[in-house]
């Protein structure tokens, strides 16, 4: 089922106004990527970029071409791990997130 424009608009607005929600979405995006749900993880990262920093700013901060970033974070995106880590680091810094890993047995 396709997402409605109002849903996307609501999510982007909430990311902009609620830093705690943005940080939780960032964590969820990373968890999705780790679990192999690549399309979902990239979609969440793309929403964070749109709402928090723009692709132009991300291009400046990462040194990647803006169009390449759009391709990497698209539905069929397949960024190299090094590029993905560069993107997630820039978002982490924008959101003020400090990495913390917890292992559950």
N, C-alpha and C. Protein backbone atom coordinates (compact mmCIF):
# COMPACT_ATOMS: atom_id res chain seq x y z
N UNK A 1 0.84 -1.17 0.00
CA UNK A 1 0.00 0.00 0.00
C UNK A 1 0.89 1.24 0.00
N UNK A 2 0.61 2.16 -0.87
CA UNK A 2 1.39 3.39 -0.97
C UNK A 2 1.05 4.33 0.18
N UNK A 3 2.08 5.05 0.63
CA UNK A 3 1.85 6.04 1.68
C UNK A 3 1.19 7.27 1.11
N UNK A 4 0.30 7.84 1.86
CA UNK A 4 -0.36 9.05 1.40
C UNK A 4 0.56 10.24 1.63
N UNK A 5 0.34 11.28 0.88
CA UNK A 5 1.14 12.48 1.04
C UNK A 5 0.97 13.05 2.45
N UNK A 6 -0.25 13.00 2.98
CA UNK A 6 -0.47 13.55 4.31
C UNK A 6 0.32 12.79 5.37
N UNK A 7 0.47 11.47 5.20
CA UNK A 7 1.27 10.68 6.13
C UNK A 7 2.73 11.15 6.11
N UNK A 8 3.28 11.26 4.90
CA UNK A 8 4.67 11.71 4.75
C UNK A 8 4.84 13.10 5.33
N UNK A 9 3.92 13.99 5.04
CA UNK A 9 3.98 15.36 5.55
C UNK A 9 3.95 15.36 7.08
N UNK A 10 3.11 14.52 7.64
CA UNK A 10 2.99 14.42 9.10
C UNK A 10 4.31 13.94 9.72
N UNK A 11 4.89 12.91 9.13
CA UNK A 11 6.15 12.37 9.65
C UNK A 11 7.26 13.42 9.55
N UNK A 12 7.38 14.08 8.40
CA UNK A 12 8.42 15.09 8.22
C UNK A 12 8.24 16.24 9.21
N UNK A 13 7.00 16.66 9.42
CA UNK A 13 6.73 17.75 10.37
C UNK A 13 7.10 17.32 11.79
N UNK A 14 6.79 16.10 12.13
CA UNK A 14 7.11 15.62 13.49
C UNK A 14 8.63 15.52 13.69
N UNK A 15 9.35 15.10 12.67
CA UNK A 15 10.81 15.05 12.75
C UNK A 15 11.36 16.44 13.02
N UNK A 16 10.80 17.43 12.35
CA UNK A 16 11.27 18.81 12.49
C UNK A 16 10.99 19.38 13.88
N UNK A 17 9.84 19.07 14.43
CA UNK A 17 9.47 19.72 15.69
C UNK A 17 9.81 18.92 16.94
N UNK A 18 10.09 17.62 16.80
CA UNK A 18 10.36 16.79 17.97
C UNK A 18 11.72 16.10 17.86
N UNK A 19 12.75 16.69 18.44
CA UNK A 19 14.09 16.09 18.37
C UNK A 19 14.13 14.66 18.91
N UNK A 20 13.34 14.38 19.93
CA UNK A 20 13.33 13.03 20.50
C UNK A 20 12.80 12.02 19.48
N UNK A 21 11.77 12.40 18.75
CA UNK A 21 11.22 11.54 17.69
C UNK A 21 12.26 11.33 16.59
N UNK A 22 12.96 12.40 16.21
CA UNK A 22 13.98 12.30 15.16
C UNK A 22 15.09 11.34 15.58
N UNK A 23 15.52 11.43 16.83
CA UNK A 23 16.58 10.53 17.32
C UNK A 23 16.08 9.08 17.36
N UNK A 24 14.83 8.89 17.77
CA UNK A 24 14.27 7.53 17.81
C UNK A 24 14.15 6.96 16.40
N UNK A 25 13.77 7.79 15.44
CA UNK A 25 13.67 7.33 14.06
C UNK A 25 15.05 6.97 13.51
N UNK A 26 16.06 7.75 13.88
CA UNK A 26 17.44 7.45 13.47
C UNK A 26 17.84 6.07 14.01
N UNK A 27 17.57 5.81 15.29
CA UNK A 27 17.90 4.51 15.88
C UNK A 27 17.14 3.39 15.18
N UNK A 28 15.88 3.63 14.87
CA UNK A 28 15.07 2.63 14.18
C UNK A 28 15.60 2.37 12.77
N UNK A 29 16.07 3.40 12.10
CA UNK A 29 16.64 3.24 10.77
C UNK A 29 17.88 2.35 10.82
N UNK A 30 18.74 2.60 11.81
CA UNK A 30 19.95 1.77 11.95
C UNK A 30 19.59 0.33 12.28
N UNK A 31 18.61 0.15 13.17
CA UNK A 31 18.18 -1.21 13.50
C UNK A 31 17.62 -1.92 12.27
N UNK A 32 16.86 -1.22 11.47
CA UNK A 32 16.30 -1.83 10.25
C UNK A 32 17.43 -2.26 9.32
N UNK A 33 18.43 -1.42 9.15
CA UNK A 33 19.55 -1.77 8.28
C UNK A 33 20.29 -2.99 8.81
N UNK A 34 20.52 -3.03 10.11
CA UNK A 34 21.22 -4.16 10.72
C UNK A 34 20.42 -5.45 10.56
N UNK A 35 19.10 -5.35 10.65
CA UNK A 35 18.23 -6.52 10.52
C UNK A 35 18.01 -6.94 9.06
N UNK A 36 18.58 -6.21 8.12
CA UNK A 36 18.44 -6.57 6.71
C UNK A 36 17.25 -5.94 6.02
N UNK A 37 16.55 -5.06 6.70
CA UNK A 37 15.41 -4.36 6.11
C UNK A 37 15.92 -3.06 5.48
N UNK A 38 16.68 -3.23 4.42
CA UNK A 38 17.41 -2.12 3.82
C UNK A 38 16.48 -1.03 3.28
N UNK A 39 15.44 -1.40 2.56
CA UNK A 39 14.54 -0.39 1.99
C UNK A 39 13.90 0.46 3.08
N UNK A 40 13.48 -0.17 4.17
CA UNK A 40 12.86 0.57 5.27
C UNK A 40 13.89 1.49 5.94
N UNK A 41 15.09 0.98 6.17
CA UNK A 41 16.13 1.79 6.80
C UNK A 41 16.51 3.00 5.96
N UNK A 42 16.67 2.78 4.66
CA UNK A 42 17.02 3.88 3.76
C UNK A 42 15.89 4.91 3.69
N UNK A 43 14.64 4.43 3.72
CA UNK A 43 13.49 5.34 3.70
C UNK A 43 13.49 6.25 4.92
N UNK A 44 13.76 5.68 6.08
CA UNK A 44 13.81 6.48 7.31
C UNK A 44 14.96 7.49 7.26
N UNK A 45 16.10 7.07 6.77
CA UNK A 45 17.23 8.00 6.65
C UNK A 45 16.89 9.12 5.68
N UNK A 46 16.23 8.78 4.59
CA UNK A 46 15.83 9.78 3.60
C UNK A 46 14.86 10.80 4.23
N UNK A 47 13.92 10.33 5.03
CA UNK A 47 13.00 11.24 5.72
C UNK A 47 13.75 12.16 6.68
N UNK A 48 14.72 11.62 7.37
CA UNK A 48 15.52 12.45 8.29
C UNK A 48 16.29 13.52 7.54
N UNK A 49 16.87 13.16 6.42
CA UNK A 49 17.61 14.14 5.62
C UNK A 49 16.66 15.23 5.14
N UNK A 50 15.52 14.85 4.59
CA UNK A 50 14.56 15.84 4.10
C UNK A 50 14.12 16.80 5.21
N UNK A 51 13.87 16.27 6.37
CA UNK A 51 13.29 17.09 7.45
C UNK A 51 14.33 17.86 8.25
N UNK A 52 15.53 17.33 8.36
CA UNK A 52 16.50 17.95 9.26
C UNK A 52 17.64 18.73 8.60
N UNK A 53 18.07 18.31 7.42
CA UNK A 53 19.28 18.96 6.90
C UNK A 53 19.31 19.22 5.41
N UNK A 54 18.49 18.67 4.62
CA UNK A 54 18.46 18.75 3.15
C UNK A 54 19.60 17.94 2.53
N UNK A 55 19.36 17.50 1.31
CA UNK A 55 20.38 16.74 0.60
C UNK A 55 21.56 17.63 0.21
N UNK A 56 21.31 18.90 -0.02
CA UNK A 56 22.40 19.82 -0.36
C UNK A 56 23.38 19.94 0.81
N UNK A 57 22.85 20.10 2.01
CA UNK A 57 23.70 20.19 3.20
C UNK A 57 24.44 18.88 3.42
N UNK A 58 23.73 17.76 3.26
CA UNK A 58 24.36 16.46 3.43
C UNK A 58 25.49 16.28 2.42
N UNK A 59 25.29 16.72 1.20
CA UNK A 59 26.34 16.63 0.18
C UNK A 59 27.57 17.43 0.60
N UNK A 60 27.35 18.61 1.13
CA UNK A 60 28.47 19.45 1.59
C UNK A 60 29.22 18.77 2.74
N UNK A 61 28.47 18.19 3.68
CA UNK A 61 29.09 17.59 4.86
C UNK A 61 29.78 16.26 4.57
N UNK A 62 29.30 15.53 3.57
CA UNK A 62 29.88 14.22 3.28
C UNK A 62 30.88 14.23 2.13
N UNK A 63 30.78 15.25 1.27
CA UNK A 63 31.64 15.29 0.10
C UNK A 63 31.09 14.49 -1.08
N UNK A 64 29.88 13.95 -0.93
CA UNK A 64 29.25 13.20 -2.02
C UNK A 64 28.43 14.14 -2.89
N UNK A 65 28.26 13.75 -4.13
CA UNK A 65 27.40 14.48 -5.04
C UNK A 65 25.95 14.35 -4.56
N UNK A 66 25.19 15.45 -4.67
CA UNK A 66 23.81 15.45 -4.20
C UNK A 66 22.96 14.39 -4.91
N UNK A 67 23.12 14.26 -6.23
CA UNK A 67 22.36 13.25 -6.97
C UNK A 67 22.74 11.84 -6.53
N UNK A 68 24.02 11.63 -6.25
CA UNK A 68 24.47 10.32 -5.78
C UNK A 68 23.83 9.98 -4.43
N UNK A 69 23.70 10.98 -3.57
CA UNK A 69 23.04 10.77 -2.28
C UNK A 69 21.57 10.39 -2.47
N UNK A 70 20.90 11.07 -3.39
CA UNK A 70 19.51 10.71 -3.69
C UNK A 70 19.42 9.26 -4.15
N UNK A 71 20.33 8.84 -5.01
CA UNK A 71 20.32 7.46 -5.49
C UNK A 71 20.62 6.48 -4.35
N UNK A 72 21.59 6.79 -3.52
CA UNK A 72 21.96 5.90 -2.42
C UNK A 72 20.81 5.67 -1.46
N UNK A 73 20.03 6.72 -1.19
CA UNK A 73 18.94 6.61 -0.22
C UNK A 73 17.58 6.39 -0.87
N UNK A 74 17.58 6.04 -2.16
CA UNK A 74 16.31 5.78 -2.84
C UNK A 74 15.79 4.39 -2.45
N UNK A 75 14.59 4.07 -2.89
CA UNK A 75 13.98 2.78 -2.58
C UNK A 75 14.83 1.62 -3.05
N UNK A 76 15.50 1.80 -4.16
CA UNK A 76 16.37 0.74 -4.69
C UNK A 76 17.84 1.03 -4.43
N UNK A 77 18.10 1.94 -3.51
CA UNK A 77 19.47 2.33 -3.21
C UNK A 77 20.29 1.17 -2.68
N UNK A 78 21.56 1.20 -3.00
CA UNK A 78 22.47 0.16 -2.56
C UNK A 78 23.83 0.79 -2.27
N UNK A 79 23.87 1.67 -1.23
CA UNK A 79 25.13 2.36 -0.95
C UNK A 79 26.18 1.40 -0.41
N UNK A 80 27.42 1.68 -0.75
CA UNK A 80 28.52 0.92 -0.15
C UNK A 80 28.52 1.20 1.34
N UNK A 81 28.99 0.25 2.12
CA UNK A 81 28.96 0.40 3.58
C UNK A 81 29.71 1.66 4.02
N UNK A 82 30.83 1.95 3.41
CA UNK A 82 31.61 3.14 3.78
C UNK A 82 30.78 4.41 3.54
N UNK A 83 30.07 4.47 2.43
CA UNK A 83 29.23 5.63 2.13
C UNK A 83 28.07 5.73 3.12
N UNK A 84 27.47 4.59 3.44
CA UNK A 84 26.36 4.58 4.39
C UNK A 84 26.82 5.05 5.76
N UNK A 85 27.99 4.62 6.19
CA UNK A 85 28.51 5.06 7.48
C UNK A 85 28.81 6.55 7.49
N UNK A 86 29.26 7.08 6.38
CA UNK A 86 29.51 8.52 6.27
C UNK A 86 28.19 9.29 6.39
N UNK A 87 27.16 8.79 5.73
CA UNK A 87 25.84 9.43 5.79
C UNK A 87 25.28 9.37 7.21
N UNK A 88 25.33 8.19 7.82
CA UNK A 88 24.77 8.06 9.17
C UNK A 88 25.56 8.88 10.18
N UNK A 89 26.86 9.03 9.98
CA UNK A 89 27.65 9.88 10.89
C UNK A 89 27.21 11.34 10.78
N UNK A 90 26.99 11.82 9.56
CA UNK A 90 26.54 13.21 9.38
C UNK A 90 25.18 13.42 10.03
N UNK A 91 24.27 12.46 9.87
CA UNK A 91 22.96 12.56 10.51
C UNK A 91 23.08 12.50 12.02
N UNK A 92 23.93 11.61 12.51
CA UNK A 92 24.15 11.49 13.95
C UNK A 92 24.61 12.81 14.54
N UNK A 93 25.53 13.46 13.87
CA UNK A 93 26.03 14.76 14.34
C UNK A 93 24.94 15.82 14.29
N UNK A 94 24.13 15.82 13.24
CA UNK A 94 23.03 16.77 13.11
C UNK A 94 22.01 16.59 14.23
N UNK A 95 21.75 15.33 14.60
CA UNK A 95 20.75 15.03 15.62
C UNK A 95 21.31 15.07 17.04
N UNK A 96 22.63 15.13 17.18
CA UNK A 96 23.25 15.14 18.50
C UNK A 96 23.15 13.79 19.19
N UNK A 97 23.22 12.72 18.41
CA UNK A 97 23.12 11.36 18.95
C UNK A 97 24.51 10.84 19.29
N UNK A 98 24.61 10.21 20.46
CA UNK A 98 25.85 9.55 20.85
C UNK A 98 25.62 8.05 20.73
N UNK A 99 26.48 7.36 19.97
CA UNK A 99 26.27 5.92 19.77
C UNK A 99 26.40 5.14 21.08
N UNK A 100 25.54 4.16 21.22
CA UNK A 100 25.57 3.27 22.38
C UNK A 100 25.05 1.92 21.91
N UNK A 101 25.84 0.90 22.08
CA UNK A 101 25.45 -0.43 21.63
C UNK A 101 25.10 -1.29 22.84
N UNK A 102 23.96 -1.94 22.77
CA UNK A 102 23.53 -2.86 23.82
C UNK A 102 23.34 -4.23 23.19
N UNK A 103 23.91 -5.24 23.82
CA UNK A 103 23.78 -6.60 23.32
C UNK A 103 22.77 -7.33 24.19
N UNK A 104 21.77 -7.93 23.53
CA UNK A 104 20.77 -8.72 24.23
C UNK A 104 21.00 -10.18 23.87
N UNK A 105 21.12 -10.99 24.87
CA UNK A 105 21.36 -12.42 24.63
C UNK A 105 20.09 -13.18 24.45
